[in-house]
């Protein structure tokens, strides 16, 4: 199934808004997928696109520093977070 770029942009906005509202706590891909009611693989692909645009940062280690084997947590890039924060105020 092909999705238009306008709809994709709206979903990007939803993801960024969700990550902003949960900041500084990073979210797992599965949590993001549940919150925006989308398939995990689809969300994973969108997050990878956002990562390539330097809008989000992928975290592949748990708080103790142990590498995740299959999971990934996501948070906003610090620069993007500050931009969102300045726009909100």
Protein backbone atom coordinates (compact mmCIF):
# COMPACT_ATOMS: atom_id res chain seq x y z
CA UNK A 1 0.00 0.00 0.00
CA UNK A 2 1.32 3.40 -1.00
CA UNK A 3 0.76 6.42 1.21
CA UNK A 4 0.82 10.02 -0.01
CA UNK A 5 3.56 12.33 1.16
CA UNK A 6 0.99 14.67 2.75
CA UNK A 7 -0.31 11.87 4.97
CA UNK A 8 3.23 10.79 5.73
CA UNK A 9 4.09 14.34 6.81
CA UNK A 10 1.06 14.37 9.14
CA UNK A 11 2.22 11.11 10.72
CA UNK A 12 5.74 12.55 11.09
CA UNK A 13 4.17 15.49 12.94
CA UNK A 14 2.27 13.10 15.22
CA UNK A 15 5.46 11.20 16.05
CA UNK A 16 7.44 14.38 16.73
CA UNK A 17 4.65 15.78 18.88
CA UNK A 18 4.46 12.56 20.90
CA UNK A 19 8.23 12.50 21.43
CA UNK A 20 8.15 16.17 22.48
CA UNK A 21 5.40 15.56 25.01
CA UNK A 22 7.24 12.58 26.51
CA UNK A 23 10.62 14.30 26.57
CA UNK A 24 13.16 13.72 28.11
CA UNK A 25 11.94 10.10 28.48
CA UNK A 26 12.65 8.14 25.28
CA UNK A 27 9.92 5.86 23.95
CA UNK A 28 10.14 2.41 22.43
CA UNK A 29 9.01 1.95 18.84
CA UNK A 30 6.12 -0.21 20.05
CA UNK A 31 4.90 2.53 22.43
CA UNK A 32 4.95 5.09 19.63
CA UNK A 33 3.06 2.72 17.33
CA UNK A 34 0.35 2.15 19.95
CA UNK A 35 -0.03 5.87 20.70
CA UNK A 36 -0.48 6.88 17.05
CA UNK A 37 -2.40 3.69 16.14
CA UNK A 38 -0.05 2.50 13.40
CA UNK A 39 1.78 -0.71 12.57
CA UNK A 40 5.16 -1.13 14.32
CA UNK A 41 7.11 -1.83 11.11
CA UNK A 42 5.59 1.22 9.43
CA UNK A 43 6.47 3.39 12.44
CA UNK A 44 9.98 1.92 12.50
CA UNK A 45 10.48 2.93 8.84
CA UNK A 46 9.18 6.44 9.54
CA UNK A 47 11.46 6.79 12.57
CA UNK A 48 14.41 5.71 10.42
CA UNK A 49 13.52 8.45 7.93
CA UNK A 50 13.31 10.99 10.75
CA UNK A 51 16.68 9.78 12.02
CA UNK A 52 18.24 10.29 8.59
CA UNK A 53 16.90 13.88 8.68
CA UNK A 54 18.52 14.35 12.14
CA UNK A 55 15.18 15.01 13.82
CA UNK A 56 15.21 12.04 16.20
CA UNK A 57 17.89 10.03 17.95
CA UNK A 58 17.77 6.26 18.29
CA UNK A 59 18.91 4.78 21.58
CA UNK A 60 19.98 1.15 21.43
CA UNK A 61 21.18 0.73 25.03
CA UNK A 62 19.22 0.40 28.24
CA UNK A 63 19.83 2.77 31.20
CA UNK A 64 22.47 0.36 32.55
CA UNK A 65 24.42 0.54 29.27
CA UNK A 66 23.53 -2.93 28.02
CA UNK A 67 22.93 -3.15 24.26
CA UNK A 68 19.38 -4.04 23.17
CA UNK A 69 19.27 -7.01 20.83
CA UNK A 70 16.05 -6.10 18.99
CA UNK A 71 14.54 -3.03 20.62
CA UNK A 72 15.08 0.65 20.05
CA UNK A 73 14.08 3.73 22.03
CA UNK A 74 13.62 7.12 20.41
CA UNK A 75 13.82 10.73 21.51
CA UNK A 76 13.95 14.11 19.84
CA UNK A 77 17.29 15.54 18.81
CA UNK A 78 18.27 18.22 21.36
CA UNK A 79 18.27 20.94 18.69
CA UNK A 80 14.77 19.94 17.56
CA UNK A 81 13.53 19.81 21.16
CA UNK A 82 14.79 23.35 21.81
CA UNK A 83 13.13 24.56 18.60
CA UNK A 84 9.81 23.00 19.61
CA UNK A 85 10.16 24.45 23.11
CA UNK A 86 10.78 27.98 21.79
CA UNK A 87 7.80 27.71 19.42
CA UNK A 88 5.52 26.56 22.26
CA UNK A 89 6.30 29.55 24.45
